[in-house]
Amino acid sequence: MESVLINNEVQKQFMEVFKFDENDISANRDGNLSTKQKQLILRQAILFLTMFEFVGFILATLLIFSSEKPIKEIPLFIPLSPIVVFTVIGALVFGMYWKKYKEGTLIRLNGKVEIQKKSGKIFLCINKYSIHIAGNVDGLFQENETYNVYYADLVSLVMSVEKVS
């Protein structure tokens, strides 16, 4: 009975650090992302597209202010070109990965976990994957224990973790 309590406590720690719940890991075990996880990935995709549009807007603004002509005399296509170009690029990239975003591609990595610190960043290393993580994982993973790490490779996020040994 005590080992079950310990495993539950370890699992609760994983849930806190990696921000998932029972519904998430249940879907992950079946090779799927939960609805909540799909929404997270979709928000990141929209953020990516917005960043492309923002870059286009910044370039358009720089073009307007670097011109020696008064704003009234600048042809409209000049400041709109970077916005349109970066929006189209972002939309194309978004479209190429839409199916993966929509389906929520998930990889189950099984094995021993090693935590490495490189250039002040923390990486979770398992089966030739080196995944940057933002949370504090000190003491969370035990040496010589096996874990399932459910990983969304398209957005490089650990979706959930469970100890299996």
C-alpha atoms as a PDB file:
ATOM      1  CA  MET A   1       0.000   0.000   0.000  1.00  0.00           C
ATOM      2  CA  GLU A   2       2.854   2.378   0.796  1.00  0.00           C
ATOM      3  CA  SER A   3       4.460   2.075  -2.659  1.00  0.00           C
ATOM      4  CA  VAL A   4       1.143   3.033  -4.279  1.00  0.00           C
ATOM      5  CA  LEU A   5       1.014   6.174  -2.140  1.00  0.00           C
ATOM      6  CA  ILE A   6       4.596   6.990  -3.057  1.00  0.00           C
ATOM      7  CA  ASN A   7       3.822   6.465  -6.768  1.00  0.00           C
ATOM      8  CA  ASN A   8       0.735   8.678  -6.442  1.00  0.00           C
ATOM      9  CA  GLU A   9       2.844  11.411  -4.839  1.00  0.00           C
ATOM     10  CA  VAL A  10       5.458  11.130  -7.594  1.00  0.00           C
ATOM     11  CA  GLN A  11       2.702  11.272 -10.220  1.00  0.00           C
ATOM     12  CA  LYS A  12       1.205  14.363  -8.561  1.00  0.00           C
ATOM     13  CA  GLN A  13       4.627  16.024  -8.750  1.00  0.00           C
ATOM     14  CA  PHE A  14       4.853  15.197 -12.461  1.00  0.00           C
ATOM     15  CA  MET A  15       1.366  16.655 -12.953  1.00  0.00           C
ATOM     16  CA  GLU A  16       2.338  19.889 -11.219  1.00  0.00           C
ATOM     17  CA  VAL A  17       5.630  20.353 -13.048  1.00  0.00           C
ATOM     18  CA  PHE A  18       4.430  19.388 -16.533  1.00  0.00           C
ATOM     19  CA  LYS A  19       0.884  20.801 -16.144  1.00  0.00           C
ATOM     20  CA  PHE A  20      -1.285  17.803 -17.026  1.00  0.00           C
ATOM     21  CA  ASP A  21      -4.143  15.929 -15.369  1.00  0.00           C
ATOM     22  CA  GLU A  22      -5.653  12.420 -15.358  1.00  0.00           C
ATOM     23  CA  ASN A  23      -7.658  13.094 -18.548  1.00  0.00           C
ATOM     24  CA  ASP A  24      -4.497  14.228 -20.327  1.00  0.00           C
ATOM     25  CA  ILE A  25      -2.399  11.201 -19.418  1.00  0.00           C
ATOM     26  CA  SER A  26      -5.263   8.830 -20.154  1.00  0.00           C
ATOM     27  CA  ALA A  27      -5.503  10.243 -23.697  1.00  0.00           C
ATOM     28  CA  ASN A  28      -1.693  10.183 -23.987  1.00  0.00           C
ATOM     29  CA  ARG A  29      -1.561   6.485 -23.091  1.00  0.00           C
ATOM     30  CA  ASP A  30      -3.882   5.855 -26.036  1.00  0.00           C
ATOM     31  CA  GLY A  31      -1.511   7.786 -28.310  1.00  0.00           C
ATOM     32  CA  ASN A  32      -3.675  10.900 -28.443  1.00  0.00           C
ATOM     33  CA  LEU A  33      -3.661  14.396 -27.060  1.00  0.00           C
ATOM     34  CA  SER A  34      -6.510  15.461 -24.823  1.00  0.00           C
ATOM     35  CA  THR A  35      -8.797  18.274 -25.912  1.00  0.00           C
ATOM     36  CA  LYS A  36      -7.027  20.612 -23.489  1.00  0.00           C
ATOM     37  CA  GLN A  37      -3.605  19.683 -24.902  1.00  0.00           C
ATOM     38  CA  LYS A  38      -4.805  20.169 -28.493  1.00  0.00           C
ATOM     39  CA  GLN A  39      -6.036  23.632 -27.536  1.00  0.00           C
ATOM     40  CA  LEU A  40      -2.615  24.433 -26.038  1.00  0.00           C
ATOM     41  CA  ILE A  41      -0.879  23.411 -29.253  1.00  0.00           C
ATOM     42  CA  LEU A  42      -3.372  25.353 -31.369  1.00  0.00           C
ATOM     43  CA  ARG A  43      -2.755  28.467 -29.246  1.00  0.00           C
ATOM     44  CA  GLN A  44       0.975  28.074 -29.904  1.00  0.00           C
ATOM     45  CA  ALA A  45       0.311  27.768 -33.641  1.00  0.00           C
ATOM     46  CA  ILE A  46      -1.764  30.948 -33.599  1.00  0.00           C
ATOM     47  CA  LEU A  47       0.982  32.691 -31.629  1.00  0.00           C
ATOM     48  CA  PHE A  48       3.484  31.582 -34.297  1.00  0.00           C
ATOM     49  CA  LEU A  49       1.299  33.034 -37.063  1.00  0.00           C
ATOM     50  CA  THR A  50       0.833  36.255 -35.089  1.00  0.00           C
ATOM     51  CA  MET A  51       4.603  36.604 -34.679  1.00  0.00           C
ATOM     52  CA  PHE A  52       5.051  36.434 -38.464  1.00  0.00           C
ATOM     53  CA  GLU A  53       2.418  39.128 -38.918  1.00  0.00           C
ATOM     54  CA  PHE A  54       4.082  41.268 -36.234  1.00  0.00           C
ATOM     55  CA  VAL A  55       7.446  41.039 -38.012  1.00  0.00           C
ATOM     56  CA  GLY A  56       5.746  42.175 -41.217  1.00  0.00           C
ATOM     57  CA  PHE A  57       4.148  45.093 -39.378  1.00  0.00           C
ATOM     58  CA  ILE A  58       7.507  46.141 -37.874  1.00  0.00           C
ATOM     59  CA  LEU A  59       9.181  46.029 -41.293  1.00  0.00           C
ATOM     60  CA  ALA A  60       6.340  48.046 -42.814  1.00  0.00           C
ATOM     61  CA  THR A  61       6.693  50.645 -40.057  1.00  0.00           C
ATOM     62  CA  LEU A  62      10.448  50.836 -40.620  1.00  0.00           C
ATOM     63  CA  LEU A  63       9.915  51.287 -44.359  1.00  0.00           C
ATOM     64  CA  ILE A  64       7.509  54.155 -43.765  1.00  0.00           C
ATOM     65  CA  PHE A  65       9.753  55.981 -41.298  1.00  0.00           C
ATOM     66  CA  SER A  66      12.974  55.383 -43.233  1.00  0.00           C
ATOM     67  CA  SER A  67      11.516  56.919 -46.377  1.00  0.00           C
ATOM     68  CA  GLU A  68      12.533  60.461 -47.169  1.00  0.00           C
ATOM     69  CA  LYS A  69       9.131  61.134 -48.691  1.00  0.00           C
ATOM     70  CA  PRO A  70       6.203  62.404 -46.640  1.00  0.00           C
ATOM     71  CA  ILE A  71       3.799  59.644 -45.588  1.00  0.00           C
ATOM     72  CA  LYS A  72       1.137  60.988 -47.962  1.00  0.00           C
ATOM     73  CA  GLU A  73       3.420  60.392 -50.958  1.00  0.00           C
ATOM     74  CA  ILE A  74       4.453  56.799 -50.131  1.00  0.00           C
ATOM     75  CA  PRO A  75       2.632  54.291 -52.365  1.00  0.00           C
ATOM     76  CA  LEU A  76       0.393  52.006 -50.310  1.00  0.00           C
ATOM     77  CA  PHE A  77       1.946  48.798 -51.650  1.00  0.00           C
ATOM     78  CA  ILE A  78       5.349  49.609 -50.103  1.00  0.00           C
ATOM     79  CA  PRO A  79       4.326  49.414 -46.432  1.00  0.00           C
ATOM     80  CA  LEU A  80       1.750  46.680 -47.111  1.00  0.00           C
ATOM     81  CA  SER A  81       4.222  44.395 -48.917  1.00  0.00           C
ATOM     82  CA  PRO A  82       6.095  43.155 -45.803  1.00  0.00           C
ATOM     83  CA  ILE A  83       2.813  42.620 -43.942  1.00  0.00           C
ATOM     84  CA  VAL A  84       1.380  40.596 -46.802  1.00  0.00           C
ATOM     85  CA  VAL A  85       4.600  38.636 -47.404  1.00  0.00           C
ATOM     86  CA  PHE A  86       5.074  37.671 -43.752  1.00  0.00           C
ATOM     87  CA  THR A  87       1.390  36.839 -43.326  1.00  0.00           C
ATOM     88  CA  VAL A  88       1.535  34.565 -46.378  1.00  0.00           C
ATOM     89  CA  ILE A  89       4.749  32.880 -45.157  1.00  0.00           C
ATOM     90  CA  GLY A  90       3.240  32.341 -41.720  1.00  0.00           C
ATOM     91  CA  ALA A  91       0.009  31.000 -43.209  1.00  0.00           C
ATOM     92  CA  LEU A  92       1.927  28.602 -45.483  1.00  0.00           C
ATOM     93  CA  VAL A  93       3.992  27.223 -42.613  1.00  0.00           C
ATOM     94  CA  PHE A  94       0.875  27.033 -40.449  1.00  0.00           C
ATOM     95  CA  GLY A  95      -0.950  25.220 -43.268  1.00  0.00           C
ATOM     96  CA  MET A  96       1.883  22.718 -43.754  1.00  0.00           C
ATOM     97  CA  TYR A  97       1.659  21.706 -40.104  1.00  0.00           C
ATOM     98  CA  TRP A  98      -2.112  22.130 -39.651  1.00  0.00           C
ATOM     99  CA  LYS A  99      -2.817  18.406 -39.918  1.00  0.00           C
ATOM    100  CA  LYS A 100      -0.257  17.607 -37.240  1.00  0.00           C
ATOM    101  CA  TYR A 101      -1.607  20.391 -35.037  1.00  0.00           C
ATOM    102  CA  LYS A 102      -5.169  19.214 -35.555  1.00  0.00           C
ATOM    103  CA  GLU A 103      -4.421  15.535 -34.965  1.00  0.00           C
ATOM    104  CA  GLY A 104      -2.044  16.258 -32.124  1.00  0.00           C
ATOM    105  CA  THR A 105       0.861  14.008 -33.001  1.00  0.00           C
ATOM    106  CA  LEU A 106       2.270  12.426 -29.865  1.00  0.00           C
ATOM    107  CA  ILE A 107       5.336  10.257 -29.299  1.00  0.00           C
ATOM    108  CA  ARG A 108       5.675   7.908 -26.335  1.00  0.00           C
ATOM    109  CA  LEU A 109       9.289   7.767 -25.206  1.00  0.00           C
ATOM    110  CA  ASN A 110      10.041   4.908 -22.830  1.00  0.00           C
ATOM    111  CA  GLY A 111      13.270   4.533 -20.911  1.00  0.00           C
ATOM    112  CA  LYS A 112      15.610   5.961 -18.349  1.00  0.00           C
ATOM    113  CA  VAL A 113      15.608   9.739 -18.037  1.00  0.00           C
ATOM    114  CA  GLU A 114      18.708  11.859 -17.656  1.00  0.00           C
ATOM    115  CA  ILE A 115      18.577  15.543 -16.771  1.00  0.00           C
ATOM    116  CA  GLN A 116      21.300  17.693 -18.331  1.00  0.00           C
ATOM    117  CA  LYS A 117      22.058  21.359 -17.890  1.00  0.00           C
ATOM    118  CA  LYS A 118      23.532  23.168 -20.876  1.00  0.00           C
ATOM    119  CA  SER A 119      24.108  26.917 -21.045  1.00  0.00           C
ATOM    120  CA  GLY A 120      21.801  27.482 -18.083  1.00  0.00           C
ATOM    121  CA  LYS A 121      18.954  25.507 -19.677  1.00  0.00           C
ATOM    122  CA  ILE A 122      17.557  22.202 -18.426  1.00  0.00           C
ATOM    123  CA  PHE A 123      17.112  19.291 -20.831  1.00  0.00           C
ATOM    124  CA  LEU A 124      15.262  16.041 -20.284  1.00  0.00           C
ATOM    125  CA  CYS A 125      17.143  13.352 -22.217  1.00  0.00           C
ATOM    126  CA  ILE A 126      15.509  10.037 -23.103  1.00  0.00           C
ATOM    127  CA  ASN A 127      16.093   7.702 -26.061  1.00  0.00           C
ATOM    128  CA  LYS A 128      18.216  10.096 -28.142  1.00  0.00           C
ATOM    129  CA  TYR A 129      15.750  12.947 -27.537  1.00  0.00           C
ATOM    130  CA  SER A 130      16.959  16.042 -25.743  1.00  0.00           C
ATOM    131  CA  ILE A 131      13.941  18.120 -24.747  1.00  0.00           C
ATOM    132  CA  HIS A 132      14.261  21.626 -23.301  1.00  0.00           C
ATOM    133  CA  ILE A 133      12.027  22.015 -20.255  1.00  0.00           C
ATOM    134  CA  ALA A 134      11.201  25.142 -18.304  1.00  0.00           C
ATOM    135  CA  GLY A 135      10.073  23.637 -14.992  1.00  0.00           C
ATOM    136  CA  ASN A 136      12.131  22.624 -11.983  1.00  0.00           C
ATOM    137  CA  VAL A 137      12.729  18.872 -12.131  1.00  0.00           C
ATOM    138  CA  ASP A 138      15.405  18.577  -9.435  1.00  0.00           C
ATOM    139  CA  GLY A 139      14.947  15.243  -7.664  1.00  0.00           C
ATOM    140  CA  LEU A 140      11.864  14.357  -9.677  1.00  0.00           C
ATOM    141  CA  PHE A 141      13.382  11.592 -11.801  1.00  0.00           C
ATOM    142  CA  GLN A 142      15.195   8.715 -10.129  1.00  0.00           C
ATOM    143  CA  GLU A 143      18.274   7.076 -11.558  1.00  0.00           C
ATOM    144  CA  ASN A 144      17.800   3.543 -12.973  1.00  0.00           C
ATOM    145  CA  GLU A 145      14.008   3.940 -13.140  1.00  0.00           C
ATOM    146  CA  THR A 146      11.972   3.699 -16.327  1.00  0.00           C
ATOM    147  CA  TYR A 147       9.491   6.367 -17.390  1.00  0.00           C
ATOM    148  CA  ASN A 148       6.990   7.001 -20.144  1.00  0.00           C
ATOM    149  CA  VAL A 149       7.401  10.519 -21.467  1.00  0.00           C
ATOM    150  CA  TYR A 150       4.619  11.634 -23.808  1.00  0.00           C
ATOM    151  CA  TYR A 151       6.092  14.215 -26.131  1.00  0.00           C
ATOM    152  CA  ALA A 152       4.604  16.481 -28.812  1.00  0.00           C
ATOM    153  CA  ASP A 153       7.574  16.804 -31.156  1.00  0.00           C
ATOM    154  CA  LEU A 154       6.031  19.447 -33.402  1.00  0.00           C
ATOM    155  CA  VAL A 155       6.005  21.987 -30.571  1.00  0.00           C
ATOM    156  CA  SER A 156       8.777  20.363 -28.479  1.00  0.00           C
ATOM    157  CA  LEU A 157       6.634  19.964 -25.372  1.00  0.00           C
ATOM    158  CA  VAL A 158       6.470  17.228 -22.778  1.00  0.00           C
ATOM    159  CA  MET A 159       2.736  16.614 -22.464  1.00  0.00           C
ATOM    160  CA  SER A 160       2.825  14.126 -19.567  1.00  0.00           C
ATOM    161  CA  VAL A 161       5.127  11.744 -17.693  1.00  0.00           C
ATOM    162  CA  GLU A 162       4.618   8.578 -15.701  1.00  0.00           C
ATOM    163  CA  LYS A 163       6.944   6.243 -13.852  1.00  0.00           C
ATOM    164  CA  VAL A 164       6.611   2.666 -15.083  1.00  0.00           C
ATOM    165  CA  SER A 165       9.131   0.791 -12.933  1.00  0.00           C
END
